[in-house]
Amino acid sequence: MKFNQPTYVFGVVSVFMLVLGVVIYTGTRATKQGSTSGFEANSEADNLHKSVINLFLQAEYAPTSPQFCRVSAFNSVHKLQNRLVALGTGTIRKWRTSHNEWIYTADYREIGPPGPEGLPTNLVLFLESPSPDYIQALTIKVNLNNRAEKWQALQMYSDVAEKVFAVIGLPVPQGLKEAMQTGKPFDDTNQQRLIKNSFDSGNVDAWTLRIASH
C-alpha cells in the first residue's frame, strides 16, 4: 500500500478548517454570552488551546506510509525521534535488531552520585517494534543504583513521562503521575493504547512505564 499524497493534503486541510471553525464558534459564543464569568472564559480558552494542540499534533504525525498504530505519533518514526531528542533524551540513533525485534535506545540520563556498586541511578527511554516502519511501544525505565536518590529519581521519572505524553499527543491518565512519583503500580488500557507502570525488585530496584499502541 502506497501513501496517497492527495489524501494526506486533504487530511491536513480538514484539520485546519476544523480548528478555524472551533475558534470562530468559541468567539461567537463568548460574544453572545456577555455574562460569562472570567473564570469560565479562561477555562474554555484553556480547553480550546489543548484541543488545537492535539489537532495539530495529529496533522504533524500524519503518516507518510501505511498506518499501523492507533497512536498516530507511533506511525512517524523519525518525527517522533526528533521530538524526543528535543526533550533531552540524547542523540538520534538508528534502529538496531535483536531477536527479530527493532529497538531504539536513547542516552542514559544520570541522577545523582554513584551508589555502592559505583554506578549512579539512571533513566533511559526505549522504542520497540517488530518493524522499523513504525513504533509499537515506548518505554521509560529508571534504575535505582543509589537508593538515596529514590525521591529525586521518581520525580524525574514522572516529569519525563509527562513531557513524553505531550509529545505523542496523548493525555496523561488520571492517577498515573501520583503512581509514578510514589513508585506504585498502575495499569490503564483502552482500544487505542496500553499504559502500565510497574516495579521490579532486585539487587537494583527499577520502575518501568510502558506505552504500547494497539
C-alpha atoms as a PDB file:
ATOM      1  CA  MET A   1       0.000   0.000   0.000  1.00  0.00           C
ATOM      2  CA  LYS A   2       1.468   3.330  -1.011  1.00  0.00           C
ATOM      3  CA  PHE A   3       0.957   6.670   0.651  1.00  0.00           C
ATOM      4  CA  ASN A   4      -1.737   8.733  -1.026  1.00  0.00           C
ATOM      5  CA  GLN A   5      -0.486  12.338  -1.214  1.00  0.00           C
ATOM      6  CA  PRO A   6      -3.906  13.898  -2.052  1.00  0.00           C
ATOM      7  CA  THR A   7      -5.450  12.096   0.923  1.00  0.00           C
ATOM      8  CA  TYR A   8      -2.758  13.458   3.247  1.00  0.00           C
ATOM      9  CA  VAL A   9      -3.197  17.025   1.959  1.00  0.00           C
ATOM     10  CA  PHE A  10      -6.951  16.734   2.330  1.00  0.00           C
ATOM     11  CA  GLY A  11      -6.491  15.499   5.904  1.00  0.00           C
ATOM     12  CA  VAL A  12      -4.258  18.423   6.873  1.00  0.00           C
ATOM     13  CA  VAL A  13      -6.639  20.931   5.275  1.00  0.00           C
ATOM     14  CA  SER A  14      -9.562  19.299   7.087  1.00  0.00           C
ATOM     15  CA  VAL A  15      -7.800  19.671  10.436  1.00  0.00           C
ATOM     16  CA  PHE A  16      -7.071  23.341   9.700  1.00  0.00           C
ATOM     17  CA  MET A  17     -10.700  24.011   8.753  1.00  0.00           C
ATOM     18  CA  LEU A  18     -11.925  22.234  11.867  1.00  0.00           C
ATOM     19  CA  VAL A  19      -9.641  24.322  14.084  1.00  0.00           C
ATOM     20  CA  LEU A  20     -10.779  27.511  12.347  1.00  0.00           C
ATOM     21  CA  GLY A  21     -14.402  26.534  12.840  1.00  0.00           C
ATOM     22  CA  VAL A  22     -13.889  25.867  16.552  1.00  0.00           C
ATOM     23  CA  VAL A  23     -12.160  29.238  17.009  1.00  0.00           C
ATOM     24  CA  ILE A  24     -14.971  31.103  15.214  1.00  0.00           C
ATOM     25  CA  TYR A  25     -17.642  29.210  17.151  1.00  0.00           C
ATOM     26  CA  THR A  26     -15.998  29.908  20.503  1.00  0.00           C
ATOM     27  CA  GLY A  27     -15.519  33.591  19.706  1.00  0.00           C
ATOM     28  CA  THR A  28     -19.160  33.952  18.678  1.00  0.00           C
ATOM     29  CA  ARG A  29     -20.349  32.166  21.778  1.00  0.00           C
ATOM     30  CA  ALA A  30     -18.224  34.332  24.046  1.00  0.00           C
ATOM     31  CA  THR A  31     -19.657  37.468  22.418  1.00  0.00           C
ATOM     32  CA  LYS A  32     -23.245  36.328  22.886  1.00  0.00           C
ATOM     33  CA  GLN A  33     -22.753  35.248  26.488  1.00  0.00           C
ATOM     34  CA  GLY A  34     -21.551  38.533  27.926  1.00  0.00           C
ATOM     35  CA  SER A  35     -22.450  37.367  31.423  1.00  0.00           C
ATOM     36  CA  THR A  36     -19.914  34.537  31.397  1.00  0.00           C
ATOM     37  CA  SER A  37     -17.524  34.871  34.325  1.00  0.00           C
ATOM     38  CA  GLY A  38     -13.798  35.425  33.790  1.00  0.00           C
ATOM     39  CA  PHE A  39     -13.026  32.018  35.317  1.00  0.00           C
ATOM     40  CA  GLU A  40     -15.365  30.182  32.938  1.00  0.00           C
ATOM     41  CA  ALA A  41     -13.979  32.097  29.961  1.00  0.00           C
ATOM     42  CA  ASN A  42     -10.408  31.229  30.896  1.00  0.00           C
ATOM     43  CA  SER A  43     -11.346  27.578  31.393  1.00  0.00           C
ATOM     44  CA  GLU A  44     -12.999  27.484  27.986  1.00  0.00           C
ATOM     45  CA  ALA A  45      -9.946  29.117  26.407  1.00  0.00           C
ATOM     46  CA  ASP A  46      -7.621  26.570  28.060  1.00  0.00           C
ATOM     47  CA  ASN A  47      -9.707  23.659  26.782  1.00  0.00           C
ATOM     48  CA  LEU A  48      -9.728  25.148  23.288  1.00  0.00           C
ATOM     49  CA  HIS A  49      -5.939  25.615  23.412  1.00  0.00           C
ATOM     50  CA  LYS A  50      -5.406  21.943  24.370  1.00  0.00           C
ATOM     51  CA  SER A  51      -7.778  20.784  21.611  1.00  0.00           C
ATOM     52  CA  VAL A  52      -5.973  22.872  18.999  1.00  0.00           C
ATOM     53  CA  ILE A  53      -2.567  21.497  20.078  1.00  0.00           C
ATOM     54  CA  ASN A  54      -3.823  17.900  19.840  1.00  0.00           C
ATOM     55  CA  LEU A  55      -5.305  18.519  16.385  1.00  0.00           C
ATOM     56  CA  PHE A  56      -2.057  19.960  15.054  1.00  0.00           C
ATOM     57  CA  LEU A  57      -0.055  17.097  16.586  1.00  0.00           C
ATOM     58  CA  GLN A  58      -2.306  14.656  14.734  1.00  0.00           C
ATOM     59  CA  ALA A  59      -1.711  16.546  11.485  1.00  0.00           C
ATOM     60  CA  GLU A  60       2.055  16.689  12.062  1.00  0.00           C
ATOM     61  CA  TYR A  61       2.249  12.973  12.701  1.00  0.00           C
ATOM     62  CA  ALA A  62       0.072  12.052   9.708  1.00  0.00           C
ATOM     63  CA  PRO A  63       1.973   9.016   8.381  1.00  0.00           C
ATOM     64  CA  THR A  64       3.817   9.013   5.077  1.00  0.00           C
ATOM     65  CA  SER A  65       3.442   5.225   4.979  1.00  0.00           C
ATOM     66  CA  PRO A  66       0.636   2.765   5.829  1.00  0.00           C
ATOM     67  CA  GLN A  67      -0.812   3.417   9.273  1.00  0.00           C
ATOM     68  CA  PHE A  68      -0.076   0.520  11.615  1.00  0.00           C
ATOM     69  CA  CYS A  69      -0.790   2.026  15.053  1.00  0.00           C
ATOM     70  CA  ARG A  70      -3.774   3.658  16.706  1.00  0.00           C
ATOM     71  CA  VAL A  71      -1.389   6.045  18.479  1.00  0.00           C
ATOM     72  CA  SER A  72      -0.787   8.334  15.490  1.00  0.00           C
ATOM     73  CA  ALA A  73       2.664   9.526  16.592  1.00  0.00           C
ATOM     74  CA  PHE A  74       3.954   5.940  16.544  1.00  0.00           C
ATOM     75  CA  ASN A  75       3.493   5.793  12.757  1.00  0.00           C
ATOM     76  CA  SER A  76       6.105   8.517  12.135  1.00  0.00           C
ATOM     77  CA  VAL A  77       9.368   7.112  13.477  1.00  0.00           C
ATOM     78  CA  HIS A  78      11.794   9.888  12.519  1.00  0.00           C
ATOM     79  CA  LYS A  79       9.468  12.734  13.544  1.00  0.00           C
ATOM     80  CA  LEU A  80       8.938  11.198  16.959  1.00  0.00           C
ATOM     81  CA  GLN A  81      12.647  10.508  17.461  1.00  0.00           C
ATOM     82  CA  ASN A  82      13.452  14.145  16.678  1.00  0.00           C
ATOM     83  CA  ARG A  83      10.856  15.424  19.128  1.00  0.00           C
ATOM     84  CA  LEU A  84      12.119  13.083  21.859  1.00  0.00           C
ATOM     85  CA  VAL A  85      15.691  14.266  21.329  1.00  0.00           C
ATOM     86  CA  ALA A  86      14.428  17.824  21.871  1.00  0.00           C
ATOM     87  CA  LEU A  87      13.362  16.687  25.361  1.00  0.00           C
ATOM     88  CA  GLY A  88      16.984  15.871  26.189  1.00  0.00           C
ATOM     89  CA  THR A  89      16.982  12.109  25.592  1.00  0.00           C
ATOM     90  CA  GLY A  90      20.304  12.292  23.734  1.00  0.00           C
ATOM     91  CA  THR A  91      21.360  11.933  20.117  1.00  0.00           C
ATOM     92  CA  ILE A  92      19.340  10.169  17.440  1.00  0.00           C
ATOM     93  CA  ARG A  93      20.406   6.588  16.851  1.00  0.00           C
ATOM     94  CA  LYS A  94      19.368   4.153  14.163  1.00  0.00           C
ATOM     95  CA  TRP A  95      17.125   1.187  14.811  1.00  0.00           C
ATOM     96  CA  ARG A  96      19.005  -1.992  15.731  1.00  0.00           C
ATOM     97  CA  THR A  97      17.695  -5.544  15.604  1.00  0.00           C
ATOM     98  CA  SER A  98      17.656  -8.011  18.482  1.00  0.00           C
ATOM     99  CA  HIS A  99      15.862 -11.364  18.317  1.00  0.00           C
ATOM    100  CA  ASN A 100      13.621 -10.254  15.433  1.00  0.00           C
ATOM    101  CA  GLU A 101      12.725  -7.043  17.259  1.00  0.00           C
ATOM    102  CA  TRP A 102      13.713  -3.488  16.365  1.00  0.00           C
ATOM    103  CA  ILE A 103      14.968  -1.360  19.252  1.00  0.00           C
ATOM    104  CA  TYR A 104      15.906   2.306  19.640  1.00  0.00           C
ATOM    105  CA  THR A 105      17.691   3.272  22.855  1.00  0.00           C
ATOM    106  CA  ALA A 106      18.227   6.861  23.964  1.00  0.00           C
ATOM    107  CA  ASP A 107      21.168   8.022  26.080  1.00  0.00           C
ATOM    108  CA  TYR A 108      21.137   7.166  29.772  1.00  0.00           C
ATOM    109  CA  ARG A 109      20.428  10.163  31.989  1.00  0.00           C
ATOM    110  CA  GLU A 110      22.368  10.002  35.265  1.00  0.00           C
ATOM    111  CA  ILE A 111      20.688  11.047  38.509  1.00  0.00           C
ATOM    112  CA  GLY A 112      22.842  11.993  41.485  1.00  0.00           C
ATOM    113  CA  PRO A 113      26.112  10.435  42.711  1.00  0.00           C
ATOM    114  CA  PRO A 114      27.075   6.750  42.271  1.00  0.00           C
ATOM    115  CA  GLY A 115      25.741   4.061  44.597  1.00  0.00           C
ATOM    116  CA  PRO A 116      27.656   1.285  46.439  1.00  0.00           C
ATOM    117  CA  GLU A 117      28.481  -0.514  43.168  1.00  0.00           C
ATOM    118  CA  GLY A 118      29.927   2.618  41.605  1.00  0.00           C
ATOM    119  CA  LEU A 119      27.004   3.285  39.251  1.00  0.00           C
ATOM    120  CA  PRO A 120      24.637   6.253  39.519  1.00  0.00           C
ATOM    121  CA  THR A 121      20.875   5.974  39.365  1.00  0.00           C
ATOM    122  CA  ASN A 122      19.830   6.461  35.753  1.00  0.00           C
ATOM    123  CA  LEU A 123      16.852   6.910  33.462  1.00  0.00           C
ATOM    124  CA  VAL A 124      16.583   5.643  29.892  1.00  0.00           C
ATOM    125  CA  LEU A 125      13.989   5.643  27.109  1.00  0.00           C
ATOM    126  CA  PHE A 126      13.396   2.819  24.604  1.00  0.00           C
ATOM    127  CA  LEU A 127      11.359   2.484  21.423  1.00  0.00           C
ATOM    128  CA  GLU A 128      10.404  -1.053  20.375  1.00  0.00           C
ATOM    129  CA  SER A 129       8.753  -2.599  17.327  1.00  0.00           C
ATOM    130  CA  PRO A 130       8.644  -5.752  15.195  1.00  0.00           C
ATOM    131  CA  SER A 131       9.267  -3.458  12.189  1.00  0.00           C
ATOM    132  CA  PRO A 132      11.451  -0.386  11.508  1.00  0.00           C
ATOM    133  CA  ASP A 133       8.483   1.322   9.823  1.00  0.00           C
ATOM    134  CA  TYR A 134       6.564   2.137  12.996  1.00  0.00           C
ATOM    135  CA  ILE A 135       6.802   2.126  16.799  1.00  0.00           C
ATOM    136  CA  GLN A 136       4.840  -0.422  18.764  1.00  0.00           C
ATOM    137  CA  ALA A 137       5.819   0.677  22.272  1.00  0.00           C
ATOM    138  CA  LEU A 138       7.660   3.421  24.128  1.00  0.00           C
ATOM    139  CA  THR A 139       9.275   2.529  27.453  1.00  0.00           C
ATOM    140  CA  ILE A 140      10.778   4.750  30.149  1.00  0.00           C
ATOM    141  CA  LYS A 141      12.848   2.999  32.821  1.00  0.00           C
ATOM    142  CA  VAL A 142      14.609   4.242  35.945  1.00  0.00           C
ATOM    143  CA  ASN A 143      17.289   2.056  37.593  1.00  0.00           C
ATOM    144  CA  LEU A 144      17.832   2.858  41.271  1.00  0.00           C
ATOM    145  CA  ASN A 145      21.555   2.150  41.669  1.00  0.00           C
ATOM    146  CA  ASN A 146      21.724   4.583  44.589  1.00  0.00           C
ATOM    147  CA  ARG A 147      18.782   4.205  46.992  1.00  0.00           C
ATOM    148  CA  ALA A 148      19.479   7.628  48.468  1.00  0.00           C
ATOM    149  CA  GLU A 149      18.308   9.128  45.163  1.00  0.00           C
ATOM    150  CA  LYS A 150      14.894   7.418  45.144  1.00  0.00           C
ATOM    151  CA  TRP A 151      12.781  10.561  45.611  1.00  0.00           C
ATOM    152  CA  GLN A 152      14.703  12.563  43.010  1.00  0.00           C
ATOM    153  CA  ALA A 153      14.666   9.641  40.567  1.00  0.00           C
ATOM    154  CA  LEU A 154      10.905   9.139  40.803  1.00  0.00           C
ATOM    155  CA  GLN A 155      10.274  12.864  40.381  1.00  0.00           C
ATOM    156  CA  MET A 156      12.378  12.951  37.208  1.00  0.00           C
ATOM    157  CA  TYR A 157      10.713   9.722  36.025  1.00  0.00           C
ATOM    158  CA  SER A 158       7.293  11.354  36.383  1.00  0.00           C
ATOM    159  CA  ASP A 159       8.384  14.657  34.804  1.00  0.00           C
ATOM    160  CA  VAL A 160       9.909  12.971  31.743  1.00  0.00           C
ATOM    161  CA  ALA A 161       6.797  10.832  31.301  1.00  0.00           C
ATOM    162  CA  GLU A 162       4.549  13.906  31.375  1.00  0.00           C
ATOM    163  CA  LYS A 163       6.630  15.534  28.624  1.00  0.00           C
ATOM    164  CA  VAL A 164       6.589  12.338  26.559  1.00  0.00           C
ATOM    165  CA  PHE A 165       2.790  12.173  26.723  1.00  0.00           C
ATOM    166  CA  ALA A 166       2.640  15.751  25.412  1.00  0.00           C
ATOM    167  CA  VAL A 167       4.998  14.858  22.552  1.00  0.00           C
ATOM    168  CA  ILE A 168       2.969  11.842  21.421  1.00  0.00           C
ATOM    169  CA  GLY A 169      -0.338  13.682  21.775  1.00  0.00           C
ATOM    170  CA  LEU A 170      -1.907  11.514  24.484  1.00  0.00           C
ATOM    171  CA  PRO A 171      -3.497  12.749  27.717  1.00  0.00           C
ATOM    172  CA  VAL A 172      -1.905  11.598  30.975  1.00  0.00           C
ATOM    173  CA  PRO A 173      -4.343   9.130  32.595  1.00  0.00           C
ATOM    174  CA  GLN A 174      -5.754  10.203  35.930  1.00  0.00           C
ATOM    175  CA  GLY A 175      -3.715   8.736  38.768  1.00  0.00           C
ATOM    176  CA  LEU A 176      -0.612   7.902  36.717  1.00  0.00           C
ATOM    177  CA  LYS A 177       1.529  10.838  37.845  1.00  0.00           C
ATOM    178  CA  GLU A 178       0.902  10.115  41.524  1.00  0.00           C
ATOM    179  CA  ALA A 179       1.631   6.407  40.984  1.00  0.00           C
ATOM    180  CA  MET A 180       4.945   7.195  39.291  1.00  0.00           C
ATOM    181  CA  GLN A 181       6.006   9.673  41.978  1.00  0.00           C
ATOM    182  CA  THR A 182       5.273   7.161  44.752  1.00  0.00           C
ATOM    183  CA  GLY A 183       6.530   4.057  42.950  1.00  0.00           C
ATOM    184  CA  LYS A 184       3.130   2.347  42.868  1.00  0.00           C
ATOM    185  CA  PRO A 185       1.824   0.094  40.060  1.00  0.00           C
ATOM    186  CA  PHE A 186      -0.625   1.498  37.517  1.00  0.00           C
ATOM    187  CA  ASP A 187      -2.475  -0.055  34.590  1.00  0.00           C
ATOM    188  CA  ASP A 188      -4.835   1.638  32.131  1.00  0.00           C
ATOM    189  CA  THR A 189      -5.955   0.167  28.810  1.00  0.00           C
ATOM    190  CA  ASN A 190      -8.419   1.224  26.134  1.00  0.00           C
ATOM    191  CA  GLN A 191      -8.977   0.437  22.453  1.00  0.00           C
ATOM    192  CA  GLN A 192      -6.158   2.785  21.416  1.00  0.00           C
ATOM    193  CA  ARG A 193      -3.308   2.019  23.826  1.00  0.00           C
ATOM    194  CA  LEU A 194      -1.993   0.275  26.921  1.00  0.00           C
ATOM    195  CA  ILE A 195      -0.268   2.255  29.690  1.00  0.00           C
ATOM    196  CA  LYS A 196       1.423   0.362  32.512  1.00  0.00           C
ATOM    197  CA  ASN A 197       3.717   1.412  35.358  1.00  0.00           C
ATOM    198  CA  SER A 198       5.461  -1.492  37.096  1.00  0.00           C
ATOM    199  CA  PHE A 199       8.084  -2.095  39.782  1.00  0.00           C
ATOM    200  CA  ASP A 200      10.900  -4.644  39.522  1.00  0.00           C
ATOM    201  CA  SER A 201      12.555  -5.561  42.815  1.00  0.00           C
ATOM    202  CA  GLY A 202      16.102  -6.923  42.880  1.00  0.00           C
ATOM    203  CA  ASN A 203      19.704  -6.006  43.537  1.00  0.00           C
ATOM    204  CA  VAL A 204      18.830  -2.829  41.640  1.00  0.00           C
ATOM    205  CA  ASP A 205      15.223  -1.710  42.043  1.00  0.00           C
ATOM    206  CA  ALA A 206      13.675  -0.393  38.842  1.00  0.00           C
ATOM    207  CA  TRP A 207      10.424   1.182  37.658  1.00  0.00           C
ATOM    208  CA  THR A 208       9.170   0.895  34.099  1.00  0.00           C
ATOM    209  CA  LEU A 209       6.478   2.852  32.260  1.00  0.00           C
ATOM    210  CA  ARG A 210       5.302   1.222  29.041  1.00  0.00           C
ATOM    211  CA  ILE A 211       3.079   2.968  26.489  1.00  0.00           C
ATOM    212  CA  ALA A 212       2.023   0.488  23.801  1.00  0.00           C
ATOM    213  CA  SER A 213      -0.224   1.114  20.811  1.00  0.00           C
ATOM    214  CA  HIS A 214      -2.883  -1.350  19.677  1.00  0.00           C
END
